Amino acid sequence: ISAPDARDIYEVPLQLEKEGATDIILNHLNLQSKEKDMQEWRKH
């Protein structure tokens, strides 16, 4: 996973999501995603 210097620390979750980290984690732990929406966080 690429984690370059972010413009702000609150941007890092968006970077990880873009890199596909969430799906990799859920697949490894055999968890089913209940929802997928980072719009509110993105707005902040």
PDB file of all heavy atoms in Angstrom:
ATOM      1  N   ILE A   1       0.838  -1.201   0.000  1.00  0.00           N
ATOM      2  CA  ILE A   1       0.000   0.000   0.000  1.00  0.00           C
ATOM      3  C   ILE A   1       0.874   1.252   0.000  1.00  0.00           C
ATOM      4  O   ILE A   1       1.771   1.404   0.829  1.00  0.00           O
ATOM      5  CB  ILE A   1      -0.930   0.026   1.233  1.00  0.00           C
ATOM      6  CG1 ILE A   1      -1.794  -1.238   1.278  1.00  0.00           C
ATOM      7  CG2 ILE A   1      -1.779   1.285   1.252  1.00  0.00           C
ATOM      8  CD1 ILE A   1      -2.745  -1.396   0.122  1.00  0.00           C
ATOM      9  N   SER A   2       0.600   2.125  -0.933  1.00  0.00           N
ATOM     10  CA  SER A   2       1.326   3.389  -1.010  1.00  0.00           C
ATOM     11  C   SER A   2       0.690   4.409  -0.070  1.00  0.00           C
ATOM     12  O   SER A   2      -0.512   4.641  -0.104  1.00  0.00           O
ATOM     13  CB  SER A   2       1.289   3.916  -2.455  1.00  0.00           C
ATOM     14  OG  SER A   2       1.886   5.193  -2.527  1.00  0.00           O
ATOM     15  N   ALA A   3       1.526   4.995   0.787  1.00  0.00           N
ATOM     16  CA  ALA A   3       1.043   6.015   1.723  1.00  0.00           C
ATOM     17  C   ALA A   3       1.958   7.242   1.648  1.00  0.00           C
ATOM     18  O   ALA A   3       2.801   7.463   2.511  1.00  0.00           O
ATOM     19  CB  ALA A   3       0.998   5.466   3.143  1.00  0.00           C
ATOM     20  N   PRO A   4       1.807   8.041   0.592  1.00  0.00           N
ATOM     21  CA  PRO A   4       2.644   9.231   0.448  1.00  0.00           C
ATOM     22  C   PRO A   4       2.241  10.312   1.450  1.00  0.00           C
ATOM     23  O   PRO A   4       1.173  10.231   2.072  1.00  0.00           O
ATOM     24  CB  PRO A   4       2.360   9.677  -0.988  1.00  0.00           C
ATOM     25  CG  PRO A   4       0.968   9.204  -1.254  1.00  0.00           C
ATOM     26  CD  PRO A   4       0.838   7.894  -0.510  1.00  0.00           C
ATOM     27  N   ASP A   5       3.101  11.308   1.611  1.00  0.00           N
ATOM     28  CA  ASP A   5       2.784  12.425   2.492  1.00  0.00           C
ATOM     29  C   ASP A   5       1.452  13.039   2.092  1.00  0.00           C
ATOM     30  O   ASP A   5       1.244  13.403   0.928  1.00  0.00           O
ATOM     31  CB  ASP A   5       3.882  13.492   2.424  1.00  0.00           C
ATOM     32  CG  ASP A   5       5.199  13.002   3.002  1.00  0.00           C
ATOM     33  OD1 ASP A   5       5.192  11.969   3.702  1.00  0.00           O
ATOM     34  OD2 ASP A   5       6.234  13.655   2.753  1.00  0.00           O
ATOM     35  N   ALA A   6       0.546  13.150   3.052  1.00  0.00           N
ATOM     36  CA  ALA A   6      -0.790  13.689   2.794  1.00  0.00           C
ATOM     37  C   ALA A   6      -0.806  15.186   3.063  1.00  0.00           C
ATOM     38  O   ALA A   6       0.022  15.717   3.809  1.00  0.00           O
ATOM     39  CB  ALA A   6      -1.821  12.977   3.674  1.00  0.00           C
ATOM     40  N   ARG A   7      -1.774  15.876   2.467  1.00  0.00           N
ATOM     41  CA  ARG A   7      -1.922  17.310   2.726  1.00  0.00           C
ATOM     42  C   ARG A   7      -2.418  17.551   4.145  1.00  0.00           C
ATOM     43  O   ARG A   7      -2.143  18.594   4.737  1.00  0.00           O
ATOM     44  CB  ARG A   7      -2.891  17.919   1.715  1.00  0.00           C
ATOM     45  CG  ARG A   7      -2.362  17.963   0.290  1.00  0.00           C
ATOM     46  CD  ARG A   7      -3.426  18.356  -0.700  1.00  0.00           C
ATOM     47  NE  ARG A   7      -4.431  17.298  -0.859  1.00  0.00           N
ATOM     48  CZ  ARG A   7      -5.521  17.412  -1.639  1.00  0.00           C
ATOM     49  NH1 ARG A   7      -5.747  18.558  -2.278  1.00  0.00           N
ATOM     50  NH2 ARG A   7      -6.364  16.410  -1.743  1.00  0.00           N
ATOM     51  N   ASP A   8      -3.126  16.579   4.687  1.00  0.00           N
ATOM     52  CA  ASP A   8      -3.606  16.653   6.063  1.00  0.00           C
ATOM     53  C   ASP A   8      -3.823  15.228   6.555  1.00  0.00           C
ATOM     54  O   ASP A   8      -4.125  14.323   5.765  1.00  0.00           O
ATOM     55  CB  ASP A   8      -4.918  17.446   6.135  1.00  0.00           C
ATOM     56  CG  ASP A   8      -5.333  17.754   7.559  1.00  0.00           C
ATOM     57  OD1 ASP A   8      -4.908  18.800   8.081  1.00  0.00           O
ATOM     58  OD2 ASP A   8      -6.051  16.938   8.170  1.00  0.00           O
ATOM     59  N   ILE A   9      -3.663  15.012   7.864  1.00  0.00           N
ATOM     60  CA  ILE A   9      -3.777  13.652   8.392  1.00  0.00           C
ATOM     61  C   ILE A   9      -5.145  13.039   8.122  1.00  0.00           C
ATOM     62  O   ILE A   9      -5.263  11.822   7.967  1.00  0.00           O
ATOM     63  CB  ILE A   9      -3.467  13.594   9.901  1.00  0.00           C
ATOM     64  CG1 ILE A   9      -4.416  14.500  10.703  1.00  0.00           C
ATOM     65  CG2 ILE A   9      -2.023  13.941  10.169  1.00  0.00           C
ATOM     66  CD1 ILE A   9      -4.294  14.319  12.208  1.00  0.00           C
ATOM     67  N   TYR A  10      -6.192  13.869   8.038  1.00  0.00           N
ATOM     68  CA  TYR A  10      -7.533  13.334   7.825  1.00  0.00           C
ATOM     69  C   TYR A  10      -7.758  12.867   6.388  1.00  0.00           C
ATOM     70  O   TYR A  10      -8.784  12.265   6.069  1.00  0.00           O
ATOM     71  CB  TYR A  10      -8.588  14.373   8.223  1.00  0.00           C
ATOM     72  CG  TYR A  10      -8.530  14.712   9.701  1.00  0.00           C
ATOM     73  CD1 TYR A  10      -8.041  15.943  10.146  1.00  0.00           C
ATOM     74  CD2 TYR A  10      -8.929  13.793  10.659  1.00  0.00           C
ATOM     75  CE1 TYR A  10      -7.954  16.239  11.493  1.00  0.00           C
ATOM     76  CE2 TYR A  10      -8.844  14.083  12.010  1.00  0.00           C
ATOM     77  CZ  TYR A  10      -8.361  15.311  12.426  1.00  0.00           C
ATOM     78  OH  TYR A  10      -8.276  15.591  13.767  1.00  0.00           O
ATOM     79  N   GLU A  11      -6.786  13.125   5.523  1.00  0.00           N
ATOM     80  CA  GLU A  11      -6.855  12.642   4.149  1.00  0.00           C
ATOM     81  C   GLU A  11      -6.359  11.200   4.036  1.00  0.00           C
ATOM     82  O   GLU A  11      -6.670  10.507   3.058  1.00  0.00           O
ATOM     83  CB  GLU A  11      -6.025  13.555   3.243  1.00  0.00           C
ATOM     84  CG  GLU A  11      -6.178  13.260   1.759  1.00  0.00           C
ATOM     85  CD  GLU A  11      -5.284  14.136   0.889  1.00  0.00           C
ATOM     86  OE1 GLU A  11      -4.260  14.650   1.395  1.00  0.00           O
ATOM     87  OE2 GLU A  11      -5.612  14.286  -0.306  1.00  0.00           O
ATOM     88  N   VAL A  12      -5.622  10.727   5.033  1.00  0.00           N
ATOM     89  CA  VAL A  12      -5.002   9.398   4.955  1.00  0.00           C
ATOM     90  C   VAL A  12      -6.036   8.276   4.786  1.00  0.00           C
ATOM     91  O   VAL A  12      -5.815   7.365   3.978  1.00  0.00           O
ATOM     92  CB  VAL A  12      -4.092   9.145   6.177  1.00  0.00           C
ATOM     93  CG1 VAL A  12      -3.502   7.735   6.137  1.00  0.00           C
ATOM     94  CG2 VAL A  12      -2.969  10.182   6.216  1.00  0.00           C
ATOM     95  N   PRO A  13      -7.185   8.270   5.506  1.00  0.00           N
ATOM     96  CA  PRO A  13      -8.175   7.215   5.244  1.00  0.00           C
ATOM     97  C   PRO A  13      -8.626   7.166   3.786  1.00  0.00           C
ATOM     98  O   PRO A  13      -8.844   6.070   3.237  1.00  0.00           O
ATOM     99  CB  PRO A  13      -9.341   7.591   6.171  1.00  0.00           C
ATOM    100  CG  PRO A  13      -8.710   8.360   7.279  1.00  0.00           C
ATOM    101  CD  PRO A  13      -7.610   9.142   6.629  1.00  0.00           C
ATOM    102  N   LEU A  14      -8.738   8.316   3.157  1.00  0.00           N
ATOM    103  CA  LEU A  14      -9.142   8.352   1.745  1.00  0.00           C
ATOM    104  C   LEU A  14      -8.053   7.750   0.863  1.00  0.00           C
ATOM    105  O   LEU A  14      -8.354   7.063  -0.122  1.00  0.00           O
ATOM    106  CB  LEU A  14      -9.428   9.792   1.320  1.00  0.00           C
ATOM    107  CG  LEU A  14     -10.551  10.513   2.080  1.00  0.00           C
ATOM    108  CD1 LEU A  14     -10.676  11.962   1.616  1.00  0.00           C
ATOM    109  CD2 LEU A  14     -11.881   9.795   1.903  1.00  0.00           C
ATOM    110  N   GLN A  15      -6.788   7.984   1.222  1.00  0.00           N
ATOM    111  CA  GLN A  15      -5.685   7.388   0.465  1.00  0.00           C
ATOM    112  C   GLN A  15      -5.694   5.866   0.581  1.00  0.00           C
ATOM    113  O   GLN A  15      -5.528   5.156  -0.417  1.00  0.00           O
ATOM    114  CB  GLN A  15      -4.344   7.925   0.982  1.00  0.00           C
ATOM    115  CG  GLN A  15      -4.068   9.383   0.672  1.00  0.00           C
ATOM    116  CD  GLN A  15      -2.723   9.832   1.214  1.00  0.00           C
ATOM    117  OE1 GLN A  15      -2.187   9.223   2.142  1.00  0.00           O
ATOM    118  NE2 GLN A  15      -2.166  10.887   0.651  1.00  0.00           N
ATOM    119  N   LEU A  16      -5.908   5.373   1.812  1.00  0.00           N
ATOM    120  CA  LEU A  16      -5.918   3.925   2.031  1.00  0.00           C
ATOM    121  C   LEU A  16      -7.088   3.269   1.309  1.00  0.00           C
ATOM    122  O   LEU A  16      -6.948   2.174   0.740  1.00  0.00           O
ATOM    123  CB  LEU A  16      -5.986   3.616   3.526  1.00  0.00           C
ATOM    124  CG  LEU A  16      -4.787   4.054   4.381  1.00  0.00           C
ATOM    125  CD1 LEU A  16      -4.985   3.637   5.833  1.00  0.00           C
ATOM    126  CD2 LEU A  16      -3.484   3.471   3.839  1.00  0.00           C
ATOM    127  N   GLU A  17      -8.235   3.926   1.330  1.00  0.00           N
ATOM    128  CA  GLU A  17      -9.412   3.398   0.628  1.00  0.00           C
ATOM    129  C   GLU A  17      -9.146   3.332  -0.874  1.00  0.00           C
ATOM    130  O   GLU A  17      -9.474   2.336  -1.537  1.00  0.00           O
ATOM    131  CB  GLU A  17     -10.626   4.283   0.919  1.00  0.00           C
ATOM    132  CG  GLU A  17     -11.901   3.884   0.187  1.00  0.00           C
ATOM    133  CD  GLU A  17     -12.483   2.567   0.664  1.00  0.00           C
ATOM    134  OE1 GLU A  17     -12.262   2.186   1.825  1.00  0.00           O
ATOM    135  OE2 GLU A  17     -13.144   1.899  -0.152  1.00  0.00           O
ATOM    136  N   LYS A  18      -8.524   4.365  -1.404  1.00  0.00           N
ATOM    137  CA  LYS A  18      -8.205   4.413  -2.838  1.00  0.00           C
ATOM    138  C   LYS A  18      -7.235   3.305  -3.229  1.00  0.00           C
ATOM    139  O   LYS A  18      -7.310   2.749  -4.334  1.00  0.00           O
ATOM    140  CB  LYS A  18      -7.611   5.783  -3.178  1.00  0.00           C
ATOM    141  CG  LYS A  18      -7.353   5.993  -4.661  1.00  0.00           C
ATOM    142  CD  LYS A  18      -6.794   7.386  -4.924  1.00  0.00           C
ATOM    143  CE  LYS A  18      -6.491   7.580  -6.412  1.00  0.00           C
ATOM    144  NZ  LYS A  18      -5.919   8.928  -6.676  1.00  0.00           N
ATOM    145  N   GLU A  19      -6.324   2.950  -2.306  1.00  0.00           N
ATOM    146  CA  GLU A  19      -5.340   1.893  -2.564  1.00  0.00           C
ATOM    147  C   GLU A  19      -5.942   0.489  -2.424  1.00  0.00           C
ATOM    148  O   GLU A  19      -5.263  -0.503  -2.671  1.00  0.00           O
ATOM    149  CB  GLU A  19      -4.162   2.035  -1.605  1.00  0.00           C
ATOM    150  CG  GLU A  19      -3.185   3.132  -1.960  1.00  0.00           C
ATOM    151  CD  GLU A  19      -2.265   2.739  -3.110  1.00  0.00           C
ATOM    152  OE1 GLU A  19      -1.484   1.786  -2.964  1.00  0.00           O
ATOM    153  OE2 GLU A  19      -2.350   3.393  -4.162  1.00  0.00           O
ATOM    154  N   GLY A  20      -7.192   0.408  -1.988  1.00  0.00           N
ATOM    155  CA  GLY A  20      -7.848  -0.895  -1.859  1.00  0.00           C
ATOM    156  C   GLY A  20      -7.563  -1.601  -0.548  1.00  0.00           C
ATOM    157  O   GLY A  20      -7.826  -2.814  -0.418  1.00  0.00           O
ATOM    158  N   ALA A  21      -7.061  -0.874   0.447  1.00  0.00           N
ATOM    159  CA  ALA A  21      -6.687  -1.499   1.718  1.00  0.00           C
ATOM    160  C   ALA A  21      -7.883  -2.127   2.430  1.00  0.00           C
ATOM    161  O   ALA A  21      -7.764  -3.205   3.031  1.00  0.00           O
ATOM    162  CB  ALA A  21      -6.027  -0.459   2.628  1.00  0.00           C
ATOM    163  N   THR A  22      -9.031  -1.469   2.359  1.00  0.00           N
ATOM    164  CA  THR A  22     -10.209  -1.983   3.069  1.00  0.00           C
ATOM    165  C   THR A  22     -10.605  -3.358   2.567  1.00  0.00           C
ATOM    166  O   THR A  22     -10.844  -4.272   3.360  1.00  0.00           O
ATOM    167  CB  THR A  22     -11.406  -1.019   2.915  1.00  0.00           C
ATOM    168  OG1 THR A  22     -10.941   0.328   2.927  1.00  0.00           O
ATOM    169  CG2 THR A  22     -12.422  -1.222   4.018  1.00  0.00           C
ATOM    170  N   ASP A  23     -10.678  -3.516   1.267  1.00  0.00           N
ATOM    171  CA  ASP A  23     -11.079  -4.806   0.692  1.00  0.00           C
ATOM    172  C   ASP A  23     -10.073  -5.903   1.002  1.00  0.00           C
ATOM    173  O   ASP A  23     -10.446  -7.055   1.253  1.00  0.00           O
ATOM    174  CB  ASP A  23     -11.262  -4.668  -0.823  1.00  0.00           C
ATOM    175  CG  ASP A  23     -12.472  -3.810  -1.189  1.00  0.00           C
ATOM    176  OD1 ASP A  23     -13.448  -3.803  -0.409  1.00  0.00           O
ATOM    177  OD2 ASP A  23     -12.424  -3.135  -2.224  1.00  0.00           O
ATOM    178  N   ILE A  24      -8.784  -5.548   0.993  1.00  0.00           N
ATOM    179  CA  ILE A  24      -7.747  -6.537   1.325  1.00  0.00           C
ATOM    180  C   ILE A  24      -7.921  -7.025   2.760  1.00  0.00           C
ATOM    181  O   ILE A  24      -7.850  -8.224   3.047  1.00  0.00           O
ATOM    182  CB  ILE A  24      -6.338  -5.923   1.136  1.00  0.00           C
ATOM    183  CG1 ILE A  24      -6.100  -5.599  -0.334  1.00  0.00           C
ATOM    184  CG2 ILE A  24      -5.259  -6.880   1.647  1.00  0.00           C
ATOM    185  CD1 ILE A  24      -4.876  -4.739  -0.573  1.00  0.00           C
ATOM    186  N   ILE A  25      -8.187  -6.088   3.676  1.00  0.00           N
ATOM    187  CA  ILE A  25      -8.374  -6.442   5.084  1.00  0.00           C
ATOM    188  C   ILE A  25      -9.600  -7.322   5.266  1.00  0.00           C
ATOM    189  O   ILE A  25      -9.553  -8.361   5.946  1.00  0.00           O
ATOM    190  CB  ILE A  25      -8.486  -5.159   5.948  1.00  0.00           C
ATOM    191  CG1 ILE A  25      -7.148  -4.420   5.978  1.00  0.00           C
ATOM    192  CG2 ILE A  25      -8.934  -5.504   7.366  1.00  0.00           C
ATOM    193  CD1 ILE A  25      -7.227  -3.025   6.560  1.00  0.00           C
ATOM    194  N   LEU A  26     -10.703  -6.913   4.666  1.00  0.00           N
ATOM    195  CA  LEU A  26     -11.961  -7.665   4.839  1.00  0.00           C
ATOM    196  C   LEU A  26     -11.857  -9.057   4.233  1.00  0.00           C
ATOM    197  O   LEU A  26     -12.387 -10.024   4.798  1.00  0.00           O
ATOM    198  CB  LEU A  26     -13.121  -6.894   4.211  1.00  0.00           C
ATOM    199  CG  LEU A  26     -13.444  -5.526   4.848  1.00  0.00           C
ATOM    200  CD1 LEU A  26     -14.646  -4.894   4.171  1.00  0.00           C
ATOM    201  CD2 LEU A  26     -13.698  -5.670   6.340  1.00  0.00           C
ATOM    202  N   ASN A  27     -11.187  -9.180   3.094  1.00  0.00           N
ATOM    203  CA  ASN A  27     -11.005 -10.500   2.475  1.00  0.00           C
ATOM    204  C   ASN A  27     -10.160 -11.410   3.362  1.00  0.00           C
ATOM    205  O   ASN A  27     -10.468 -12.592   3.525  1.00  0.00           O
ATOM    206  CB  ASN A  27     -10.333 -10.357   1.102  1.00  0.00           C
ATOM    207  CG  ASN A  27     -11.269  -9.779   0.053  1.00  0.00           C
ATOM    208  OD1 ASN A  27     -12.495  -9.858   0.191  1.00  0.00           O
ATOM    209  ND2 ASN A  27     -10.710  -9.170  -0.981  1.00  0.00           N
ATOM    210  N   HIS A  28      -9.110 -10.848   3.943  1.00  0.00           N
ATOM    211  CA  HIS A  28      -8.238 -11.648   4.809  1.00  0.00           C
ATOM    212  C   HIS A  28      -8.984 -12.137   6.044  1.00  0.00           C
ATOM    213  O   HIS A  28      -8.813 -13.295   6.471  1.00  0.00           O
ATOM    214  CB  HIS A  28      -7.024 -10.814   5.229  1.00  0.00           C
ATOM    215  CG  HIS A  28      -6.072 -11.567   6.120  1.00  0.00           C
ATOM    216  ND1 HIS A  28      -4.981 -12.257   5.636  1.00  0.00           N
ATOM    217  CD2 HIS A  28      -6.051 -11.735   7.480  1.00  0.00           C
ATOM    218  CE1 HIS A  28      -4.342 -12.820   6.643  1.00  0.00           C
ATOM    219  NE2 HIS A  28      -4.957 -12.520   7.772  1.00  0.00           N
ATOM    220  N   LEU A  29      -9.806 -11.275   6.622  1.00  0.00           N
ATOM    221  CA  LEU A  29     -10.523 -11.618   7.853  1.00  0.00           C
ATOM    222  C   LEU A  29     -11.880 -12.290   7.585  1.00  0.00           C
ATOM    223  O   LEU A  29     -12.624 -12.582   8.525  1.00  0.00           O
ATOM    224  CB  LEU A  29     -10.741 -10.348   8.688  1.00  0.00           C
ATOM    225  CG  LEU A  29      -9.461  -9.639   9.183  1.00  0.00           C
ATOM    226  CD1 LEU A  29      -9.816  -8.341   9.888  1.00  0.00           C
ATOM    227  CD2 LEU A  29      -8.645 -10.548  10.110  1.00  0.00           C
ATOM    228  N   ASN A  30     -12.186 -12.524   6.301  1.00  0.00           N
ATOM    229  CA  ASN A  30     -13.453 -13.166   5.917  1.00  0.00           C
ATOM    230  C   ASN A  30     -14.664 -12.400   6.467  1.00  0.00           C
ATOM    231  O   ASN A  30     -15.608 -12.981   7.007  1.00  0.00           O
ATOM    232  CB  ASN A  30     -13.504 -14.626   6.403  1.00  0.00           C
ATOM    233  CG  ASN A  30     -12.500 -15.495   5.685  1.00  0.00           C
ATOM    234  OD1 ASN A  30     -12.270 -15.326   4.482  1.00  0.00           O
ATOM    235  ND2 ASN A  30     -11.881 -16.422   6.406  1.00  0.00           N
ATOM    236  N   LEU A  31     -14.622 -11.080   6.322  1.00  0.00           N
ATOM    237  CA  LEU A  31     -15.722 -10.231   6.773  1.00  0.00           C
ATOM    238  C   LEU A  31     -16.473  -9.668   5.571  1.00  0.00           C
ATOM    239  O   LEU A  31     -15.876  -9.341   4.541  1.00  0.00           O
ATOM    240  CB  LEU A  31     -15.198  -9.075   7.627  1.00  0.00           C
ATOM    241  CG  LEU A  31     -14.535  -9.454   8.963  1.00  0.00           C
ATOM    242  CD1 LEU A  31     -13.891  -8.237   9.593  1.00  0.00           C
ATOM    243  CD2 LEU A  31     -15.560 -10.075   9.909  1.00  0.00           C
ATOM    244  N   GLN A  32     -17.787  -9.577   5.726  1.00  0.00           N
ATOM    245  CA  GLN A  32     -18.621  -9.020   4.670  1.00  0.00           C
ATOM    246  C   GLN A  32     -18.895  -7.547   4.970  1.00  0.00           C
ATOM    247  O   GLN A  32     -19.362  -7.201   6.048  1.00  0.00           O
ATOM    248  CB  GLN A  32     -19.951  -9.785   4.575  1.00  0.00           C
ATOM    249  CG  GLN A  32     -19.802 -11.233   4.158  1.00  0.00           C
ATOM    250  CD  GLN A  32     -19.227 -11.383   2.760  1.00  0.00           C
ATOM    251  OE1 GLN A  32     -19.627 -10.663   1.836  1.00  0.00           O
ATOM    252  NE2 GLN A  32     -18.292 -12.310   2.594  1.00  0.00           N
ATOM    253  N   SER A  33     -18.599  -6.712   3.994  1.00  0.00           N
ATOM    254  CA  SER A  33     -18.815  -5.282   4.174  1.00  0.00           C
ATOM    255  C   SER A  33     -20.307  -4.965   4.240  1.00  0.00           C
ATOM    256  O   SER A  33     -21.093  -5.455   3.436  1.00  0.00           O
ATOM    257  CB  SER A  33     -18.180  -4.501   3.024  1.00  0.00           C
ATOM    258  OG  SER A  33     -18.424  -3.134   3.171  1.00  0.00           O
ATOM    259  N   LYS A  34     -20.672  -4.154   5.230  1.00  0.00           N
ATOM    260  CA  LYS A  34     -22.084  -3.813   5.411  1.00  0.00           C
ATOM    261  C   LYS A  34     -22.479  -2.606   4.562  1.00  0.00           C
ATOM    262  O   LYS A  34     -23.622  -2.467   4.166  1.00  0.00           O
ATOM    263  CB  LYS A  34     -22.347  -3.528   6.889  1.00  0.00           C
ATOM    264  CG  LYS A  34     -22.034  -4.728   7.785  1.00  0.00           C
ATOM    265  CD  LYS A  34     -22.129  -4.369   9.257  1.00  0.00           C
ATOM    266  CE  LYS A  34     -21.691  -5.541  10.128  1.00  0.00           C
ATOM    267  NZ  LYS A  34     -21.711  -5.210  11.571  1.00  0.00           N
ATOM    268  N   GLU A  35     -21.526  -1.723   4.313  1.00  0.00           N
ATOM    269  CA  GLU A  35     -21.806  -0.525   3.525  1.00  0.00           C
ATOM    270  C   GLU A  35     -20.492   0.024   2.999  1.00  0.00           C
ATOM    271  O   GLU A  35     -19.419  -0.366   3.421  1.00  0.00           O
ATOM    272  CB  GLU A  35     -22.519   0.520   4.379  1.00  0.00           C
ATOM    273  CG  GLU A  35     -21.823   0.800   5.700  1.00  0.00           C
ATOM    274  CD  GLU A  35     -22.702   1.571   6.662  1.00  0.00           C
ATOM    275  OE1 GLU A  35     -23.573   0.965   7.291  1.00  0.00           O
ATOM    276  OE2 GLU A  35     -22.470   2.778   6.766  1.00  0.00           O
ATOM    277  N   LYS A  36     -20.609   0.957   2.068  1.00  0.00           N
ATOM    278  CA  LYS A  36     -19.401   1.556   1.509  1.00  0.00           C
ATOM    279  C   LYS A  36     -19.708   2.990   1.112  1.00  0.00           C
ATOM    280  O   LYS A  36     -20.211   3.250   0.027  1.00  0.00           O
ATOM    281  CB  LYS A  36     -18.900   0.756   0.299  1.00  0.00           C
ATOM    282  CG  LYS A  36     -17.571   1.255  -0.274  1.00  0.00           C
ATOM    283  CD  LYS A  36     -17.113   0.393  -1.431  1.00  0.00           C
ATOM    284  CE  LYS A  36     -15.782   0.886  -1.975  1.00  0.00           C
ATOM    285  NZ  LYS A  36     -15.312   0.053  -3.099  1.00  0.00           N
ATOM    286  N   ASP A  37     -19.435   3.902   2.020  1.00  0.00           N
ATOM    287  CA  ASP A  37     -19.736   5.298   1.750  1.00  0.00           C
ATOM    288  C   ASP A  37     -18.846   6.184   2.610  1.00  0.00           C
ATOM    289  O   ASP A  37     -19.016   6.244   3.815  1.00  0.00           O
ATOM    290  CB  ASP A  37     -21.214   5.591   2.032  1.00  0.00           C
ATOM    291  CG  ASP A  37     -21.571   7.033   1.726  1.00  0.00           C
ATOM    292  OD1 ASP A  37     -20.782   7.696   1.033  1.00  0.00           O
ATOM    293  OD2 ASP A  37     -22.632   7.493   2.182  1.00  0.00           O
ATOM    294  N   MET A  38     -17.900   6.871   1.958  1.00  0.00           N
ATOM    295  CA  MET A  38     -17.031   7.797   2.683  1.00  0.00           C
ATOM    296  C   MET A  38     -17.339   9.249   2.326  1.00  0.00           C
ATOM    297  O   MET A  38     -16.502  10.133   2.485  1.00  0.00           O
ATOM    298  CB  MET A  38     -15.560   7.475   2.400  1.00  0.00           C
ATOM    299  CG  MET A  38     -15.122   6.121   2.939  1.00  0.00           C
ATOM    300  SD  MET A  38     -13.326   5.945   3.042  1.00  0.00           S
ATOM    301  CE  MET A  38     -12.945   6.987   4.446  1.00  0.00           C
ATOM    302  N   GLN A  39     -18.552   9.483   1.815  1.00  0.00           N
ATOM    303  CA  GLN A  39     -18.900  10.818   1.347  1.00  0.00           C
ATOM    304  C   GLN A  39     -18.851  11.862   2.460  1.00  0.00           C
ATOM    305  O   GLN A  39     -18.370  12.976   2.276  1.00  0.00           O
ATOM    306  CB  GLN A  39     -20.288  10.810   0.696  1.00  0.00           C
ATOM    307  CG  GLN A  39     -20.313  10.140  -0.673  1.00  0.00           C
ATOM    308  CD  GLN A  39     -19.307  10.784  -1.636  1.00  0.00           C
ATOM    309  OE1 GLN A  39     -18.313  10.165  -2.014  1.00  0.00           O
ATOM    310  NE2 GLN A  39     -19.564  12.019  -2.012  1.00  0.00           N
ATOM    311  N   GLU A  40     -19.376  11.490   3.637  1.00  0.00           N
ATOM    312  CA  GLU A  40     -19.413  12.444   4.748  1.00  0.00           C
ATOM    313  C   GLU A  40     -17.991  12.791   5.199  1.00  0.00           C
ATOM    314  O   GLU A  40     -17.673  13.955   5.442  1.00  0.00           O
ATOM    315  CB  GLU A  40     -20.206  11.856   5.917  1.00  0.00           C
ATOM    316  CG  GLU A  40     -20.700  12.869   6.931  1.00  0.00           C
ATOM    317  CD  GLU A  40     -21.704  13.859   6.366  1.00  0.00           C
ATOM    318  OE1 GLU A  40     -22.451  13.492   5.445  1.00  0.00           O
ATOM    319  OE2 GLU A  40     -21.711  15.012   6.845  1.00  0.00           O
ATOM    320  N   TRP A  41     -17.156  11.769   5.318  1.00  0.00           N
ATOM    321  CA  TRP A  41     -15.767  12.004   5.701  1.00  0.00           C
ATOM    322  C   TRP A  41     -15.049  12.834   4.639  1.00  0.00           C
ATOM    323  O   TRP A  41     -14.297  13.755   4.956  1.00  0.00           O
ATOM    324  CB  TRP A  41     -15.043  10.672   5.894  1.00  0.00           C
ATOM    325  CG  TRP A  41     -13.647  10.802   6.434  1.00  0.00           C
ATOM    326  CD1 TRP A  41     -12.485  10.744   5.727  1.00  0.00           C
ATOM    327  CD2 TRP A  41     -13.258  11.031   7.796  1.00  0.00           C
ATOM    328  NE1 TRP A  41     -11.400  10.908   6.547  1.00  0.00           N
ATOM    329  CE2 TRP A  41     -11.846  11.089   7.827  1.00  0.00           C
ATOM    330  CE3 TRP A  41     -13.964  11.176   8.979  1.00  0.00           C
ATOM    331  CZ2 TRP A  41     -11.132  11.292   9.005  1.00  0.00           C
ATOM    332  CZ3 TRP A  41     -13.251  11.379  10.154  1.00  0.00           C
ATOM    333  CH2 TRP A  41     -11.861  11.437  10.165  1.00  0.00           C
ATOM    334  N   ARG A  42     -15.314  12.518   3.371  1.00  0.00           N
ATOM    335  CA  ARG A  42     -14.690  13.254   2.271  1.00  0.00           C
ATOM    336  C   ARG A  42     -15.067  14.735   2.328  1.00  0.00           C
ATOM    337  O   ARG A  42     -14.243  15.617   2.080  1.00  0.00           O
ATOM    338  CB  ARG A  42     -15.123  12.647   0.928  1.00  0.00           C
ATOM    339  CG  ARG A  42     -14.273  13.090  -0.261  1.00  0.00           C
ATOM    340  CD  ARG A  42     -14.766  12.422  -1.534  1.00  0.00           C
ATOM    341  NE  ARG A  42     -14.749  10.986  -1.430  1.00  0.00           N
ATOM    342  CZ  ARG A  42     -13.670  10.237  -1.651  1.00  0.00           C
ATOM    343  NH1 ARG A  42     -12.539  10.812  -1.982  1.00  0.00           N
ATOM    344  NH2 ARG A  42     -13.732   8.927  -1.555  1.00  0.00           N
ATOM    345  N   LYS A  43     -16.320  14.998   2.689  1.00  0.00           N
ATOM    346  CA  LYS A  43     -16.794  16.383   2.782  1.00  0.00           C
ATOM    347  C   LYS A  43     -16.047  17.136   3.886  1.00  0.00           C
ATOM    348  O   LYS A  43     -15.647  18.290   3.712  1.00  0.00           O
ATOM    349  CB  LYS A  43     -18.298  16.407   3.070  1.00  0.00           C
ATOM    350  CG  LYS A  43     -18.924  17.807   2.975  1.00  0.00           C
ATOM    351  CD  LYS A  43     -20.305  17.864   3.580  1.00  0.00           C
ATOM    352  CE  LYS A  43     -21.264  16.918   2.891  1.00  0.00           C
ATOM    353  NZ  LYS A  43     -22.641  17.018   3.469  1.00  0.00           N
ATOM    354  N   HIS A  44     -15.843  16.473   5.025  1.00  0.00           N
ATOM    355  CA  HIS A  44     -15.104  17.101   6.125  1.00  0.00           C
ATOM    356  C   HIS A  44     -13.669  17.411   5.695  1.00  0.00           C
ATOM    357  O   HIS A  44     -13.127  18.477   6.021  1.00  0.00           O
ATOM    358  CB  HIS A  44     -15.085  16.187   7.348  1.00  0.00           C
ATOM    359  CG  HIS A  44     -16.417  16.024   8.016  1.00  0.00           C
ATOM    360  ND1 HIS A  44     -17.201  17.101   8.378  1.00  0.00           N
ATOM    361  CD2 HIS A  44     -17.106  14.913   8.388  1.00  0.00           C
ATOM    362  CE1 HIS A  44     -18.302  16.659   8.953  1.00  0.00           C
ATOM    363  NE2 HIS A  44     -18.269  15.344   8.965  1.00  0.00           N
TER     364      HIS A  44
END
